């Protein structure tokens, strides 16, 4: 028979494992979405740069892809993506530090 403390410990471990799996799944999903967004932006930049002559005629209604505004829009989007990546990194580091502290308390 397991004692109550052993059952509680096993419950905490299982909960931590499930939470870790869920966070990892969400992180991978967000990474895939970010990669798809990056590739689509690169493709859009390539099309709007004039590499494909017939594609340039089809983008006449896009005001953000104007010759003067395209670079600024791309810079803003890339800066936003860099900010998001930095924020996610900092949050994950803080979570790991907090988790280590709580694990130490729980072990003592």
Protein backbone atom coordinates (compact mmCIF):
# COMPACT_ATOMS: atom_id res chain seq x y z
CA UNK A 1 0.00 0.00 0.00
CA UNK A 2 1.14 3.47 -0.79
CA UNK A 3 1.03 6.15 1.81
CA UNK A 4 -0.83 9.37 1.30
CA UNK A 5 2.41 11.28 0.81
CA UNK A 6 3.50 8.89 -1.94
CA UNK A 7 0.15 9.23 -3.69
CA UNK A 8 0.29 13.02 -3.51
CA UNK A 9 3.86 12.98 -4.81
CA UNK A 10 2.86 10.73 -7.72
CA UNK A 11 -0.11 13.01 -8.45
CA UNK A 12 2.14 16.09 -8.54
CA UNK A 13 4.59 14.34 -10.84
CA UNK A 14 1.84 13.22 -13.22
CA UNK A 15 0.30 16.70 -13.23
CA UNK A 16 3.68 18.26 -14.01
CA UNK A 17 4.24 15.76 -16.82
CA UNK A 18 0.83 16.45 -18.39
CA UNK A 19 1.32 20.21 -18.08
CA UNK A 20 4.76 19.93 -19.69
CA UNK A 21 3.33 17.91 -22.61
CA UNK A 22 0.55 20.42 -23.15
CA UNK A 23 2.97 23.37 -23.09
CA UNK A 24 5.31 21.60 -25.49
CA UNK A 25 2.42 20.88 -27.86
CA UNK A 26 1.33 24.52 -27.80
CA UNK A 27 4.91 25.69 -28.31
CA UNK A 28 5.39 23.43 -31.33
CA UNK A 29 2.10 24.60 -32.81
CA UNK A 30 3.10 28.23 -32.41
CA UNK A 31 6.49 27.51 -33.94
CA UNK A 32 4.84 25.96 -37.00
CA UNK A 33 2.46 28.91 -37.36
CA UNK A 34 5.37 31.35 -37.06
CA UNK A 35 7.35 29.45 -39.66
CA UNK A 36 4.41 29.45 -42.07
CA UNK A 37 3.96 33.19 -41.50
CA UNK A 38 7.65 33.84 -42.12
CA UNK A 39 7.67 31.79 -45.32
CA UNK A 40 4.53 33.50 -46.60
CA UNK A 41 6.04 36.92 -45.89
CA UNK A 42 9.24 35.95 -47.69
CA UNK A 43 7.19 34.73 -50.66
CA UNK A 44 5.14 37.93 -50.66
CA UNK A 45 8.31 40.02 -50.56
CA UNK A 46 9.77 38.03 -53.43
CA UNK A 47 6.62 38.47 -55.51
CA UNK A 48 6.28 42.18 -54.75
CA UNK A 49 9.94 42.92 -55.48
CA UNK A 50 9.33 42.43 -59.17
CA UNK A 51 10.99 39.03 -59.56
CA UNK A 52 7.85 37.79 -61.25
CA UNK A 53 6.78 40.48 -63.77
CA UNK A 54 3.19 39.34 -64.19
CA UNK A 55 2.64 39.16 -60.41
CA UNK A 56 3.42 42.86 -60.05
CA UNK A 57 0.37 43.77 -62.12
CA UNK A 58 -1.92 41.72 -59.88
CA UNK A 59 -0.87 43.57 -56.71
CA UNK A 60 -1.98 47.03 -57.77
CA UNK A 61 -4.71 47.19 -55.12
CA UNK A 62 -2.43 46.43 -52.18
CA UNK A 63 -1.54 49.77 -50.64
CA UNK A 64 0.89 48.29 -48.11
CA UNK A 65 2.90 46.74 -50.90
CA UNK A 66 3.48 50.08 -52.54
CA UNK A 67 7.06 50.59 -53.69
CA UNK A 68 7.65 53.18 -50.94
CA UNK A 69 5.97 51.37 -48.04
CA UNK A 70 7.04 47.73 -48.55
CA UNK A 71 10.35 47.98 -46.70
CA UNK A 72 8.79 49.71 -43.70
CA UNK A 73 6.02 47.16 -43.42
CA UNK A 74 8.46 44.26 -43.65
CA UNK A 75 10.72 45.86 -41.01
CA UNK A 76 7.76 46.34 -38.68
CA UNK A 77 6.61 42.74 -39.09
CA UNK A 78 10.10 41.34 -38.53
CA UNK A 79 10.59 43.57 -35.47
CA UNK A 80 7.28 42.35 -34.07
CA UNK A 81 8.26 38.72 -34.64
CA UNK A 82 11.62 39.31 -32.94
CA UNK A 83 9.82 40.89 -29.99
CA UNK A 84 7.46 37.94 -29.70
CA UNK A 85 10.37 35.48 -29.77
CA UNK A 86 12.22 37.44 -27.08
CA UNK A 87 9.10 37.63 -24.91
CA UNK A 88 8.47 33.88 -25.19
CA UNK A 89 12.10 33.18 -24.32
CA UNK A 90 12.00 35.40 -21.22
CA UNK A 91 8.69 33.92 -20.03
CA UNK A 92 10.03 30.37 -20.43
CA UNK A 93 13.18 31.26 -18.49
CA UNK A 94 11.14 32.78 -15.66
CA UNK A 95 8.88 29.72 -15.60
CA UNK A 96 11.88 27.38 -15.37
CA UNK A 97 13.37 29.39 -12.51
CA UNK A 98 10.05 29.38 -10.67
CA UNK A 99 9.65 25.65 -11.27
CA UNK A 100 13.13 24.92 -9.91
CA UNK A 101 12.40 26.94 -6.77
CA UNK A 102 9.10 25.17 -6.15
CA UNK A 103 10.71 21.77 -6.79
CA UNK A 104 13.38 22.54 -4.21
CA UNK A 105 10.71 23.56 -1.68
CA UNK A 106 8.69 20.44 -2.40
CA UNK A 107 11.71 18.17 -1.95
CA UNK A 108 12.62 19.71 1.39
